[in-house]
Each structure stands twice: as C-alpha cells, then as structure tokens.
C-alpha atoms as a PDB file:
ATOM      1  CA  UNK A   1     -25.079  65.091 -63.729  1.00  0.00           C
ATOM      2  CA  UNK A   2     -24.437  65.755 -60.053  1.00  0.00           C
ATOM      3  CA  UNK A   3     -21.238  64.229 -58.380  1.00  0.00           C
ATOM      4  CA  UNK A   4     -21.232  63.421 -54.754  1.00  0.00           C
ATOM      5  CA  UNK A   5     -18.347  65.057 -52.949  1.00  0.00           C
ATOM      6  CA  UNK A   6     -16.990  64.549 -49.464  1.00  0.00           C
ATOM      7  CA  UNK A   7     -15.394  67.018 -47.033  1.00  0.00           C
ATOM      8  CA  UNK A   8     -12.796  64.304 -46.240  1.00  0.00           C
ATOM      9  CA  UNK A   9      -9.333  65.146 -47.694  1.00  0.00           C
ATOM     10  CA  UNK A  10      -8.313  63.038 -50.612  1.00  0.00           C
ATOM     11  CA  UNK A  11      -5.908  60.194 -49.768  1.00  0.00           C
ATOM     12  CA  UNK A  12      -6.578  59.880 -46.085  1.00  0.00           C
ATOM     13  CA  UNK A  13      -8.446  56.989 -44.466  1.00  0.00           C
ATOM     14  CA  UNK A  14      -9.843  56.488 -40.870  1.00  0.00           C
ATOM     15  CA  UNK A  15      -7.298  54.728 -38.629  1.00  0.00           C
ATOM     16  CA  UNK A  16      -6.539  53.844 -34.970  1.00  0.00           C
ATOM     17  CA  UNK A  17      -4.478  56.386 -33.219  1.00  0.00           C
ATOM     18  CA  UNK A  18      -1.369  55.242 -31.401  1.00  0.00           C
ATOM     19  CA  UNK A  19      -3.124  55.329 -28.013  1.00  0.00           C
ATOM     20  CA  UNK A  20      -5.994  53.352 -29.325  1.00  0.00           C
ATOM     21  CA  UNK A  21      -3.574  50.714 -30.705  1.00  0.00           C
ATOM     22  CA  UNK A  22      -1.688  50.567 -27.454  1.00  0.00           C
ATOM     23  CA  UNK A  23      -4.888  50.075 -25.408  1.00  0.00           C
ATOM     24  CA  UNK A  24      -6.067  47.184 -27.878  1.00  0.00           C
ATOM     25  CA  UNK A  25      -2.489  45.373 -27.554  1.00  0.00           C
ATOM     26  CA  UNK A  26      -2.714  45.723 -23.736  1.00  0.00           C
ATOM     27  CA  UNK A  27      -6.187  44.197 -23.600  1.00  0.00           C
ATOM     28  CA  UNK A  28      -5.189  41.381 -25.843  1.00  0.00           C
ATOM     29  CA  UNK A  29      -2.107  40.615 -23.645  1.00  0.00           C
ATOM     30  CA  UNK A  30      -4.076  40.630 -20.447  1.00  0.00           C
ATOM     31  CA  UNK A  31      -6.651  38.255 -22.003  1.00  0.00           C
ATOM     32  CA  UNK A  32      -3.943  35.936 -23.403  1.00  0.00           C
ATOM     33  CA  UNK A  33      -2.248  35.862 -20.034  1.00  0.00           C
ATOM     34  CA  UNK A  34      -5.580  34.916 -18.282  1.00  0.00           C
ATOM     35  CA  UNK A  35      -6.021  32.203 -20.939  1.00  0.00           C
ATOM     36  CA  UNK A  36      -2.663  30.791 -20.478  1.00  0.00           C
ATOM     37  CA  UNK A  37      -2.909  30.861 -16.671  1.00  0.00           C
ATOM     38  CA  UNK A  38      -6.091  28.892 -16.929  1.00  0.00           C
ATOM     39  CA  UNK A  39      -4.607  26.337 -19.248  1.00  0.00           C
ATOM     40  CA  UNK A  40      -1.524  25.921 -16.901  1.00  0.00           C
ATOM     41  CA  UNK A  41      -3.653  25.547 -13.885  1.00  0.00           C
ATOM     42  CA  UNK A  42      -5.827  22.945 -15.803  1.00  0.00           C
ATOM     43  CA  UNK A  43      -2.782  20.992 -16.798  1.00  0.00           C
ATOM     44  CA  UNK A  44      -1.258  21.039 -13.361  1.00  0.00           C
ATOM     45  CA  UNK A  45      -4.646  19.664 -12.035  1.00  0.00           C
ATOM     46  CA  UNK A  46      -4.811  16.869 -14.602  1.00  0.00           C
ATOM     47  CA  UNK A  47      -1.111  15.848 -13.933  1.00  0.00           C
ATOM     48  CA  UNK A  48      -1.762  15.720 -10.075  1.00  0.00           C
ATOM     49  CA  UNK A  49      -4.943  13.614 -10.719  1.00  0.00           C
ATOM     50  CA  UNK A  50      -3.055  11.211 -13.016  1.00  0.00           C
ATOM     51  CA  UNK A  51      -0.171  10.891 -10.459  1.00  0.00           C
ATOM     52  CA  UNK A  52      -2.616  10.177  -7.641  1.00  0.00           C
ATOM     53  CA  UNK A  53      -4.242   7.536  -9.748  1.00  0.00           C
ATOM     54  CA  UNK A  54      -0.971   5.830 -10.711  1.00  0.00           C
ATOM     55  CA  UNK A  55       0.181   6.014  -7.027  1.00  0.00           C
ATOM     56  CA  UNK A  56      -3.169   4.507  -5.831  1.00  0.00           C
ATOM     57  CA  UNK A  57      -2.709   1.435  -8.196  1.00  0.00           C
ATOM     58  CA  UNK A  58       0.879   0.946  -7.026  1.00  0.00           C
ATOM     59  CA  UNK A  59      -0.171   1.039  -3.387  1.00  0.00           C
ATOM     60  CA  UNK A  60      -3.163  -1.274  -3.936  1.00  0.00           C
ATOM     61  CA  UNK A  61      -0.818  -3.735  -5.768  1.00  0.00           C
ATOM     62  CA  UNK A  62       1.513  -3.824  -2.822  1.00  0.00           C
ATOM     63  CA  UNK A  63      -1.366  -4.161  -0.196  1.00  0.00           C
ATOM     64  CA  UNK A  64      -2.633  -7.192  -2.093  1.00  0.00           C
ATOM     65  CA  UNK A  65       0.827  -8.723  -2.234  1.00  0.00           C
ATOM     66  CA  UNK A  66       1.392  -8.278   1.540  1.00  0.00           C
ATOM     67  CA  UNK A  67      -1.926  -9.613   2.740  1.00  0.00           C
ATOM     68  CA  UNK A  68      -1.857 -12.525   0.296  1.00  0.00           C
ATOM     69  CA  UNK A  69       0.863 -14.083   2.515  1.00  0.00           C
ATOM     70  CA  UNK A  70       0.667 -15.841   5.734  1.00  0.00           C
ATOM     71  CA  UNK A  71       0.073 -13.844   8.928  1.00  0.00           C
ATOM     72  CA  UNK A  72       3.190 -15.123  10.606  1.00  0.00           C
ATOM     73  CA  UNK A  73       6.106 -17.524   9.878  1.00  0.00           C
ATOM     74  CA  UNK A  74       5.080 -21.244  10.050  1.00  0.00           C
ATOM     75  CA  UNK A  75       5.891 -22.629  13.456  1.00  0.00           C
ATOM     76  CA  UNK A  76       5.643 -19.202  15.231  1.00  0.00           C
ATOM     77  CA  UNK A  77       2.792 -17.268  16.861  1.00  0.00           C
ATOM     78  CA  UNK A  78       1.328 -14.167  15.549  1.00  0.00           C
ATOM     79  CA  UNK A  79       2.617 -12.236  18.629  1.00  0.00           C
ATOM     80  CA  UNK A  80       6.147 -11.519  17.559  1.00  0.00           C
ATOM     81  CA  UNK A  81       7.523  -8.162  18.896  1.00  0.00           C
ATOM     82  CA  UNK A  82      10.230  -7.927  16.246  1.00  0.00           C
ATOM     83  CA  UNK A  83       8.900  -7.503  12.902  1.00  0.00           C
ATOM     84  CA  UNK A  84      10.856  -7.697   9.526  1.00  0.00           C
ATOM     85  CA  UNK A  85      12.374 -10.159   7.232  1.00  0.00           C
ATOM     86  CA  UNK A  86      14.872 -12.784   8.439  1.00  0.00           C
ATOM     87  CA  UNK A  87      18.344 -12.698   7.311  1.00  0.00           C
ATOM     88  CA  UNK A  88      17.900 -15.185   4.569  1.00  0.00           C
ATOM     89  CA  UNK A  89      14.617 -13.399   3.349  1.00  0.00           C
ATOM     90  CA  UNK A  90      16.495 -10.073   3.222  1.00  0.00           C
ATOM     91  CA  UNK A  91      19.161 -11.484   0.937  1.00  0.00           C
ATOM     92  CA  UNK A  92      16.750 -11.659  -2.150  1.00  0.00           C
ATOM     93  CA  UNK A  93      16.985  -9.242  -4.974  1.00  0.00           C
ATOM     94  CA  UNK A  94      13.710  -7.735  -3.825  1.00  0.00           C
ATOM     95  CA  UNK A  95      10.772  -9.133  -1.863  1.00  0.00           C
ATOM     96  CA  UNK A  96      10.416 -12.415  -3.674  1.00  0.00           C
ATOM     97  CA  UNK A  97      11.532 -14.407  -0.476  1.00  0.00           C
ATOM     98  CA  UNK A  98       8.945 -12.697   1.756  1.00  0.00           C
ATOM     99  CA  UNK A  99       6.389 -15.315   2.882  1.00  0.00           C
ATOM    100  CA  UNK A 100       4.528 -13.723   5.926  1.00  0.00           C
ATOM    101  CA  UNK A 101       3.121 -10.221   6.561  1.00  0.00           C
ATOM    102  CA  UNK A 102       5.679  -9.093   9.073  1.00  0.00           C
ATOM    103  CA  UNK A 103       8.504  -9.503   6.591  1.00  0.00           C
ATOM    104  CA  UNK A 104       7.266  -6.357   4.823  1.00  0.00           C
ATOM    105  CA  UNK A 105       7.744  -4.109   7.859  1.00  0.00           C
ATOM    106  CA  UNK A 106       9.877  -0.908   7.250  1.00  0.00           C
ATOM    107  CA  UNK A 107      10.493  -1.784   3.482  1.00  0.00           C
ATOM    108  CA  UNK A 108      11.450   1.265   1.492  1.00  0.00           C
ATOM    109  CA  UNK A 109      12.174   1.623  -2.340  1.00  0.00           C
ATOM    110  CA  UNK A 110      12.987   4.706  -4.261  1.00  0.00           C
ATOM    111  CA  UNK A 111      11.887   4.534  -7.021  1.00  0.00           C
ATOM    112  CA  UNK A 112       9.183   1.871  -6.252  1.00  0.00           C
ATOM    113  CA  UNK A 113       9.848  -1.696  -7.157  1.00  0.00           C
ATOM    114  CA  UNK A 114       8.152  -4.897  -7.909  1.00  0.00           C
ATOM    115  CA  UNK A 115       8.559  -8.014  -5.752  1.00  0.00           C
ATOM    116  CA  UNK A 116      11.760  -8.894  -7.666  1.00  0.00           C
ATOM    117  CA  UNK A 117      13.365  -5.554  -7.218  1.00  0.00           C
ATOM    118  CA  UNK A 118      12.717  -4.214 -10.759  1.00  0.00           C
ATOM    119  CA  UNK A 119      11.701  -0.562 -11.008  1.00  0.00           C
ATOM    120  CA  UNK A 120       7.944  -0.288 -11.563  1.00  0.00           C
ATOM    121  CA  UNK A 121       7.172   1.069 -15.047  1.00  0.00           C
ATOM    122  CA  UNK A 122       9.871  -1.093 -16.493  1.00  0.00           C
ATOM    123  CA  UNK A 123       8.971  -4.456 -15.009  1.00  0.00           C
ATOM    124  CA  UNK A 124       7.045  -7.277 -16.621  1.00  0.00           C
ATOM    125  CA  UNK A 125       5.512  -8.535 -13.405  1.00  0.00           C
ATOM    126  CA  UNK A 126       7.707 -11.723 -13.596  1.00  0.00           C
ATOM    127  CA  UNK A 127      11.134 -10.448 -12.359  1.00  0.00           C
ATOM    128  CA  UNK A 128      12.189  -9.169 -15.811  1.00  0.00           C
ATOM    129  CA  UNK A 129      11.733  -5.960 -17.964  1.00  0.00           C
ATOM    130  CA  UNK A 130       8.930  -5.256 -20.489  1.00  0.00           C
ATOM    131  CA  UNK A 131       9.591  -4.103 -24.073  1.00  0.00           C
ATOM    132  CA  UNK A 132      11.237  -0.586 -24.066  1.00  0.00           C
ATOM    133  CA  UNK A 133       8.246   0.610 -26.165  1.00  0.00           C
ATOM    134  CA  UNK A 134       5.947  -0.132 -23.230  1.00  0.00           C
ATOM    135  CA  UNK A 135       8.206   1.316 -20.386  1.00  0.00           C
ATOM    136  CA  UNK A 136       7.210   4.469 -18.472  1.00  0.00           C
ATOM    137  CA  UNK A 137       9.264   7.502 -19.533  1.00  0.00           C
ATOM    138  CA  UNK A 138      12.969   7.508 -18.162  1.00  0.00           C
ATOM    139  CA  UNK A 139      12.949   9.092 -14.790  1.00  0.00           C
ATOM    140  CA  UNK A 140       9.193   9.438 -14.251  1.00  0.00           C
ATOM    141  CA  UNK A 141       9.207   7.664 -10.892  1.00  0.00           C
ATOM    142  CA  UNK A 142      12.714   8.641  -9.780  1.00  0.00           C
ATOM    143  CA  UNK A 143      11.428  10.831  -6.914  1.00  0.00           C
ATOM    144  CA  UNK A 144       8.684   8.463  -5.929  1.00  0.00           C
ATOM    145  CA  UNK A 145       9.230   6.303  -2.749  1.00  0.00           C
ATOM    146  CA  UNK A 146       7.334   3.229  -1.746  1.00  0.00           C
ATOM    147  CA  UNK A 147       7.024   2.795   1.908  1.00  0.00           C
ATOM    148  CA  UNK A 148       5.497  -0.287   3.630  1.00  0.00           C
ATOM    149  CA  UNK A 149       4.919  -0.572   7.471  1.00  0.00           C
ATOM    150  CA  UNK A 150       3.375  -3.360   9.456  1.00  0.00           C
ATOM    151  CA  UNK A 151       2.322  -2.793  13.142  1.00  0.00           C
ATOM    152  CA  UNK A 152      -0.073  -4.012  15.826  1.00  0.00           C
ATOM    153  CA  UNK A 153      -3.133  -1.972  16.543  1.00  0.00           C
ATOM    154  CA  UNK A 154      -5.556  -1.845  19.512  1.00  0.00           C
ATOM    155  CA  UNK A 155      -8.243  -4.480  19.485  1.00  0.00           C
ATOM    156  CA  UNK A 156     -10.926  -2.153  20.709  1.00  0.00           C
ATOM    157  CA  UNK A 157      -9.996   0.592  18.227  1.00  0.00           C
ATOM    158  CA  UNK A 158      -8.010  -0.425  15.208  1.00  0.00           C
ATOM    159  CA  UNK A 159      -7.166   3.051  14.170  1.00  0.00           C
ATOM    160  CA  UNK A 160      -4.824   3.205  17.136  1.00  0.00           C
ATOM    161  CA  UNK A 161      -1.187   2.036  16.660  1.00  0.00           C
ATOM    162  CA  UNK A 162       0.219   0.216  19.554  1.00  0.00           C
ATOM    163  CA  UNK A 163       3.552   1.224  20.994  1.00  0.00           C
ATOM    164  CA  UNK A 164       6.658  -0.822  20.064  1.00  0.00           C
ATOM    165  CA  UNK A 165       6.764  -4.146  22.056  1.00  0.00           C
ATOM    166  CA  UNK A 166       3.050  -4.447  22.554  1.00  0.00           C
ATOM    167  CA  UNK A 167       0.997  -6.955  20.528  1.00  0.00           C
ATOM    168  CA  UNK A 168      -2.618  -7.888  19.799  1.00  0.00           C
ATOM    169  CA  UNK A 169      -4.721  -9.978  17.503  1.00  0.00           C
ATOM    170  CA  UNK A 170      -4.736  -7.306  14.895  1.00  0.00           C
ATOM    171  CA  UNK A 171      -2.016  -5.784  12.632  1.00  0.00           C
ATOM    172  CA  UNK A 172      -2.347  -2.897  10.265  1.00  0.00           C
ATOM    173  CA  UNK A 173      -0.478  -2.976   6.836  1.00  0.00           C
ATOM    174  CA  UNK A 174       0.105   0.586   5.736  1.00  0.00           C
ATOM    175  CA  UNK A 175       1.521   1.434   2.255  1.00  0.00           C
ATOM    176  CA  UNK A 176       2.469   4.844   1.145  1.00  0.00           C
ATOM    177  CA  UNK A 177       3.610   6.324  -2.163  1.00  0.00           C
ATOM    178  CA  UNK A 178       5.529   9.597  -1.508  1.00  0.00           C
ATOM    179  CA  UNK A 179       7.015  12.175  -3.908  1.00  0.00           C
ATOM    180  CA  UNK A 180      10.408  12.887  -2.244  1.00  0.00           C
ATOM    181  CA  UNK A 181      12.150  15.836  -3.885  1.00  0.00           C
ATOM    182  CA  UNK A 182      16.025  16.299  -3.876  1.00  0.00           C
ATOM    183  CA  UNK A 183      15.703  18.853  -1.044  1.00  0.00           C
ATOM    184  CA  UNK A 184      14.003  16.438   1.123  1.00  0.00           C
ATOM    185  CA  UNK A 185      10.420  17.850   0.710  1.00  0.00           C
ATOM    186  CA  UNK A 186       7.824  15.158   0.902  1.00  0.00           C
ATOM    187  CA  UNK A 187       4.450  15.075  -0.806  1.00  0.00           C
ATOM    188  CA  UNK A 188       2.308  12.117   0.133  1.00  0.00           C
ATOM    189  CA  UNK A 189       0.555  10.894  -3.183  1.00  0.00           C
ATOM    190  CA  UNK A 190      -1.478   8.104  -1.526  1.00  0.00           C
ATOM    191  CA  UNK A 191      -1.763   6.106   1.668  1.00  0.00           C
ATOM    192  CA  UNK A 192      -3.718   2.747   1.928  1.00  0.00           C
ATOM    193  CA  UNK A 193      -4.147   0.917   5.256  1.00  0.00           C
ATOM    194  CA  UNK A 194      -5.700  -2.416   5.888  1.00  0.00           C
ATOM    195  CA  UNK A 195      -6.182  -4.294   9.139  1.00  0.00           C
ATOM    196  CA  UNK A 196      -5.928  -8.073   9.304  1.00  0.00           C
ATOM    197  CA  UNK A 197      -6.602 -10.430  12.284  1.00  0.00           C
ATOM    198  CA  UNK A 198      -4.658 -13.265  13.615  1.00  0.00           C
ATOM    199  CA  UNK A 199      -6.695 -16.548  13.811  1.00  0.00           C
ATOM    200  CA  UNK A 200      -4.513 -19.291  15.548  1.00  0.00           C
ATOM    201  CA  UNK A 201      -4.528 -22.672  13.617  1.00  0.00           C
ATOM    202  CA  UNK A 202      -6.753 -25.195  15.492  1.00  0.00           C
ATOM    203  CA  UNK A 203      -5.073 -28.213  16.926  1.00  0.00           C
END
C-alpha cells in the first residue's frame, strides 16, 4: 500500500503573516469609517427634514390664526401707521386677546407658543397642556423662536415692503420659525408669507 506524503512540515498550517493581518484590519477600519460617515450623514439629513416639516406646520398654523382675524380694529380704517396690540390686548397670557391682523406685528416667542401662551409640543390647543405621554421631548423646541411680522406692501408689487409710515391697501403677514443657538447663531427653518387686501366696509 502506498501512503501519500507531503513536503509540508508536520504540525504547521498556512496562516496570515503579521503584515497581511495589519492590512486586513486597516481595510476593515476604513470601510467601517465610510459606512459610519454615511449613516451619520443620512441621520442628519433625516433630522433636518423632520425639523423643517414640523416648523412648516407651526408657521402655517400661525398664518391661519392671523389671517382668520379682522383686517383692522372695528371702527378704524385699514391705514394705521402704528401696528401692534393695544395695551389691553397685550395684557393677555398669550395672543388670545388679539382680534385683528395688525395686533400680531413684531410678536416673538422662544420657544414657540400657542395663542394662550402655552409652549407648542405641550399645549392641547385649548389653553391647557396635553397628557405628558403625548408631549414633545423636554427641551426639543427650546432653541426655536416664533417670529411674526405684519407690514404694508406696494400695491403694484406686493413683494416690496413699504418703509415705516407708508400705507397701502395690502399688508403682508410673515411668519418665521428660527433655530437660535445660545451663541446667537440663527438658522431659519421656514418662512411663510401671505398678502391680504383691505376692502372697506360699504356704507
């Protein structure tokens, strides 16, 4: 009987050399880094898109609230040069006393608030707070600022804002949701603008 033999020394098996092992580890590390960078970038993009979607909903809600009111205070014309709430309207806990569009001029809230002054994400839409299980995570909107401006625009080109003291038959309502960092850096998440016209009441 013939027995097959091998020239390979008994007790030795083929293996990676130290250099080959280091090259393999390096390649794996580079590939893992690229994968993690891709995942991180994807998460950042998703988070930014989610923030813009939420901010757009907030701004739309405020725009609808503003233009759902009268153009001007009953008994006054639509050509007031001083815009903003009266002293009694400004004494509310939020915007619940506002009853005409110009009351909303130069309103700022950080974090954003509902008409009754309750922080969005915690409000129930009626001046109270929702159940804690349905509230936004604590601090999620702390750096967000809600900004509302009302101003007159040129009749022939409503994209042009008129200087202070000038009036027209058109006003723009502009709402911005801005991410304001502690160092003062601002990142505008969304800006909505709607133009409304003044139609005097017929006698």
